């Protein structure tokens, strides 16, 4: 089980469900066990826009583990909202 701050390379297999953040740009993405760490959508979009070469994001290759599903306060909040709606 990864701990907060552990890093993983794009293309490697996700070891545990959780919230991960792209180290270069800060984009957060929820991934599940067995998925492959993707290239960062945010970095890719920024690099596809017409920007100066100096302003482009570095290639996204590092994902950092933030929290698992049980520890994610945003996930808990959305579960509470679902119960209130019912």
N, C-alpha and C. Protein backbone atom coordinates (compact mmCIF):
# COMPACT_ATOMS: atom_id res chain seq x y z
N UNK A 1 0.84 -1.17 0.00
CA UNK A 1 0.00 0.00 0.00
C UNK A 1 0.89 1.24 0.00
N UNK A 2 0.69 2.14 -0.97
CA UNK A 2 1.52 3.34 -0.98
C UNK A 2 1.17 4.27 0.18
N UNK A 3 2.12 5.10 0.54
CA UNK A 3 1.88 6.11 1.57
C UNK A 3 1.97 7.49 0.92
N UNK A 4 1.41 8.49 1.57
CA UNK A 4 1.39 9.83 1.02
C UNK A 4 2.80 10.27 0.65
N UNK A 5 2.93 10.77 -0.59
CA UNK A 5 4.23 11.24 -1.06
C UNK A 5 4.96 10.25 -1.94
N UNK A 6 4.54 8.97 -1.95
CA UNK A 6 5.16 7.99 -2.84
C UNK A 6 4.91 8.40 -4.28
N UNK A 7 5.90 8.20 -5.16
CA UNK A 7 5.77 8.60 -6.55
C UNK A 7 5.82 7.39 -7.48
N UNK A 8 5.16 7.55 -8.64
CA UNK A 8 5.05 6.48 -9.62
C UNK A 8 5.22 7.04 -11.01
N UNK A 9 5.84 6.28 -11.89
CA UNK A 9 6.07 6.71 -13.26
C UNK A 9 4.88 6.44 -14.15
N UNK A 10 4.65 7.34 -15.12
CA UNK A 10 3.65 7.11 -16.15
C UNK A 10 3.97 5.77 -16.82
N UNK A 11 2.94 4.96 -17.05
CA UNK A 11 3.12 3.66 -17.69
C UNK A 11 3.23 2.51 -16.70
N UNK A 12 3.46 2.81 -15.41
CA UNK A 12 3.52 1.74 -14.42
C UNK A 12 2.10 1.43 -13.94
N UNK A 13 1.95 0.30 -13.28
CA UNK A 13 0.63 -0.15 -12.83
C UNK A 13 0.29 0.44 -11.46
N UNK A 14 -0.96 0.90 -11.31
CA UNK A 14 -1.45 1.45 -10.04
C UNK A 14 -1.56 0.31 -9.04
N UNK A 15 -0.94 0.49 -7.88
CA UNK A 15 -0.92 -0.54 -6.84
C UNK A 15 -2.12 -0.48 -5.92
N UNK A 16 -2.73 0.70 -5.77
CA UNK A 16 -3.85 0.86 -4.83
C UNK A 16 -4.78 1.98 -5.29
N UNK A 17 -6.08 1.77 -5.05
CA UNK A 17 -7.06 2.82 -5.34
C UNK A 17 -6.66 4.08 -4.59
N UNK A 18 -6.87 5.22 -5.21
CA UNK A 18 -6.59 6.45 -4.49
C UNK A 18 -6.56 7.67 -5.37
N UNK A 19 -6.25 8.77 -4.74
CA UNK A 19 -6.13 10.05 -5.40
C UNK A 19 -4.64 10.30 -5.61
N UNK A 20 -4.29 10.62 -6.85
CA UNK A 20 -2.90 10.87 -7.22
C UNK A 20 -2.81 12.25 -7.84
N UNK A 21 -1.64 12.89 -7.71
CA UNK A 21 -1.44 14.22 -8.26
C UNK A 21 -0.23 14.18 -9.20
N UNK A 22 -0.36 14.87 -10.34
CA UNK A 22 0.74 15.00 -11.28
C UNK A 22 1.78 15.93 -10.65
N UNK A 23 2.99 15.45 -10.49
CA UNK A 23 4.03 16.26 -9.83
C UNK A 23 4.36 17.55 -10.58
N UNK A 24 4.46 17.55 -11.92
CA UNK A 24 4.79 18.80 -12.60
C UNK A 24 3.72 19.89 -12.50
N UNK A 25 2.42 19.53 -12.58
CA UNK A 25 1.40 20.59 -12.69
C UNK A 25 0.37 20.62 -11.56
N UNK A 26 0.26 19.55 -10.77
CA UNK A 26 -0.69 19.55 -9.66
C UNK A 26 -2.07 19.02 -9.99
N UNK A 27 -2.29 18.53 -11.22
CA UNK A 27 -3.58 17.97 -11.63
C UNK A 27 -3.85 16.70 -10.81
N UNK A 28 -5.06 16.59 -10.25
CA UNK A 28 -5.41 15.42 -9.44
C UNK A 28 -6.30 14.48 -10.23
N UNK A 29 -6.09 13.18 -10.02
CA UNK A 29 -6.86 12.16 -10.72
C UNK A 29 -7.04 10.95 -9.82
N UNK A 30 -8.27 10.44 -9.77
CA UNK A 30 -8.55 9.22 -9.01
C UNK A 30 -8.24 8.03 -9.91
N UNK A 31 -7.44 7.10 -9.41
CA UNK A 31 -7.07 5.90 -10.16
C UNK A 31 -7.37 4.67 -9.32
N UNK A 32 -7.60 3.55 -10.03
CA UNK A 32 -7.92 2.30 -9.35
C UNK A 32 -6.84 1.25 -9.57
N UNK A 33 -6.75 0.34 -8.62
CA UNK A 33 -5.78 -0.75 -8.69
C UNK A 33 -5.86 -1.45 -10.03
N UNK A 34 -4.69 -1.67 -10.63
CA UNK A 34 -4.60 -2.39 -11.90
C UNK A 34 -4.58 -1.48 -13.11
N UNK A 35 -5.03 -0.21 -12.97
CA UNK A 35 -4.96 0.72 -14.09
C UNK A 35 -3.48 1.06 -14.33
N UNK A 36 -3.23 1.66 -15.48
CA UNK A 36 -1.88 2.13 -15.80
C UNK A 36 -1.85 3.65 -15.60
N UNK A 37 -0.79 4.14 -14.94
CA UNK A 37 -0.67 5.58 -14.76
C UNK A 37 -0.60 6.23 -16.14
N UNK A 38 -1.55 7.14 -16.43
CA UNK A 38 -1.59 7.75 -17.76
C UNK A 38 -0.67 8.96 -17.84
N UNK A 39 -0.52 9.47 -19.08
CA UNK A 39 0.08 10.79 -19.22
C UNK A 39 -0.94 11.76 -18.65
N UNK A 40 -0.49 12.85 -18.09
CA UNK A 40 -1.38 13.82 -17.46
C UNK A 40 -2.19 14.58 -18.51
N UNK A 41 -3.53 14.56 -18.35
CA UNK A 41 -4.42 15.27 -19.26
C UNK A 41 -4.13 16.76 -19.26
N UNK A 42 -3.87 17.32 -18.09
CA UNK A 42 -3.65 18.75 -17.96
C UNK A 42 -2.35 19.17 -18.65
N UNK A 43 -1.28 18.44 -18.42
CA UNK A 43 0.01 18.76 -19.06
C UNK A 43 -0.11 18.61 -20.58
N UNK A 44 -0.81 17.57 -21.02
CA UNK A 44 -0.98 17.34 -22.45
C UNK A 44 -1.72 18.49 -23.10
N UNK A 45 -2.83 18.93 -22.46
CA UNK A 45 -3.60 20.07 -22.99
C UNK A 45 -2.74 21.33 -23.06
N UNK A 46 -1.99 21.59 -22.01
CA UNK A 46 -1.15 22.80 -21.98
C UNK A 46 -0.11 22.76 -23.09
N UNK A 47 0.41 21.58 -23.39
CA UNK A 47 1.43 21.46 -24.42
C UNK A 47 0.83 21.51 -25.82
N UNK A 48 -0.46 21.21 -25.96
CA UNK A 48 -1.10 21.26 -27.27
C UNK A 48 -1.55 22.67 -27.62
N UNK A 49 -1.73 23.53 -26.62
CA UNK A 49 -2.12 24.91 -26.87
C UNK A 49 -0.95 25.64 -27.54
N UNK A 50 -1.29 26.71 -28.22
CA UNK A 50 -0.24 27.50 -28.85
C UNK A 50 0.40 28.39 -27.80
N UNK A 51 1.49 27.91 -27.23
CA UNK A 51 2.23 28.67 -26.22
C UNK A 51 3.70 28.68 -26.61
N UNK A 52 4.42 29.64 -26.04
CA UNK A 52 5.85 29.69 -26.29
C UNK A 52 6.52 28.43 -25.77
N UNK A 53 7.56 28.02 -26.42
CA UNK A 53 8.30 26.82 -26.04
C UNK A 53 8.72 26.87 -24.56
N UNK A 54 9.09 28.07 -24.08
CA UNK A 54 9.54 28.22 -22.69
C UNK A 54 8.42 28.01 -21.68
N UNK A 55 7.15 28.19 -22.10
CA UNK A 55 6.02 28.07 -21.19
C UNK A 55 5.41 26.68 -21.15
N UNK A 56 5.89 25.78 -21.97
CA UNK A 56 5.33 24.43 -22.01
C UNK A 56 5.68 23.67 -20.74
N UNK A 57 4.76 22.78 -20.34
CA UNK A 57 4.99 21.95 -19.16
C UNK A 57 6.01 20.87 -19.51
N UNK A 58 6.81 20.44 -18.55
CA UNK A 58 7.71 19.32 -18.83
C UNK A 58 6.88 18.06 -19.08
N UNK A 59 7.43 17.07 -19.76
CA UNK A 59 6.66 15.83 -19.99
C UNK A 59 6.17 15.27 -18.66
N UNK A 60 4.91 14.89 -18.63
CA UNK A 60 4.34 14.39 -17.37
C UNK A 60 4.72 12.93 -17.21
N UNK A 61 5.45 12.64 -16.18
CA UNK A 61 5.89 11.28 -15.99
C UNK A 61 5.88 10.83 -14.55
N UNK A 62 5.50 11.70 -13.64
CA UNK A 62 5.53 11.34 -12.23
C UNK A 62 4.17 11.64 -11.59
N UNK A 63 3.60 10.64 -10.97
CA UNK A 63 2.35 10.79 -10.21
C UNK A 63 2.67 10.56 -8.74
N UNK A 64 2.12 11.38 -7.87
CA UNK A 64 2.34 11.27 -6.43
C UNK A 64 1.06 10.83 -5.74
N UNK A 65 1.16 9.85 -4.86
CA UNK A 65 0.01 9.36 -4.10
C UNK A 65 -0.38 10.41 -3.07
N UNK A 66 -1.69 10.76 -3.04
CA UNK A 66 -2.19 11.74 -2.09
C UNK A 66 -2.96 11.06 -0.97
N UNK A 67 -3.96 10.24 -1.33
CA UNK A 67 -4.74 9.56 -0.30
C UNK A 67 -5.51 8.40 -0.92
N UNK A 68 -5.91 7.46 -0.06
CA UNK A 68 -6.76 6.39 -0.55
C UNK A 68 -8.21 6.84 -0.43
N UNK A 69 -9.12 6.07 -0.97
CA UNK A 69 -10.54 6.46 -1.00
C UNK A 69 -11.09 6.71 0.40
N UNK A 70 -10.67 5.91 1.37
CA UNK A 70 -11.20 6.04 2.73
C UNK A 70 -10.73 7.33 3.40
N UNK A 71 -9.58 7.86 2.97
CA UNK A 71 -9.04 9.06 3.60
C UNK A 71 -9.39 10.34 2.87
N UNK A 72 -9.97 10.23 1.66
CA UNK A 72 -10.21 11.40 0.83
C UNK A 72 -11.42 12.18 1.32
N UNK A 73 -11.23 13.38 1.90
CA UNK A 73 -12.36 14.15 2.42
C UNK A 73 -13.35 14.55 1.34
N UNK A 74 -12.91 14.81 0.12
CA UNK A 74 -13.83 15.15 -0.97
C UNK A 74 -14.77 13.99 -1.25
N UNK A 75 -14.23 12.79 -1.22
CA UNK A 75 -15.05 11.59 -1.46
C UNK A 75 -16.08 11.44 -0.35
N UNK A 76 -15.67 11.67 0.89
CA UNK A 76 -16.60 11.56 2.01
C UNK A 76 -17.70 12.61 1.89
N UNK A 77 -17.34 13.83 1.51
CA UNK A 77 -18.33 14.89 1.34
C UNK A 77 -19.35 14.52 0.28
N UNK A 78 -18.90 13.96 -0.85
CA UNK A 78 -19.83 13.63 -1.91
C UNK A 78 -20.75 12.48 -1.49
N UNK A 79 -20.28 11.57 -0.65
CA UNK A 79 -21.12 10.50 -0.14
C UNK A 79 -22.20 11.07 0.77
N UNK A 80 -21.83 12.05 1.61
CA UNK A 80 -22.80 12.69 2.50
C UNK A 80 -23.89 13.39 1.69
N UNK A 81 -23.50 14.07 0.62
CA UNK A 81 -24.46 14.78 -0.23
C UNK A 81 -25.42 13.80 -0.88
N UNK A 82 -24.93 12.63 -1.30
CA UNK A 82 -25.80 11.63 -1.92
C UNK A 82 -26.86 11.16 -0.93
N UNK A 83 -26.45 10.93 0.32
CA UNK A 83 -27.39 10.47 1.34
C UNK A 83 -28.45 11.53 1.61
N UNK A 84 -28.07 12.81 1.63
CA UNK A 84 -29.02 13.88 1.88
C UNK A 84 -30.04 14.00 0.75
N UNK A 85 -29.62 13.71 -0.48
CA UNK A 85 -30.49 13.79 -1.65
C UNK A 85 -31.54 12.69 -1.66
N UNK A 86 -31.26 11.58 -1.00
CA UNK A 86 -32.17 10.42 -1.05
C UNK A 86 -33.34 10.57 -0.13
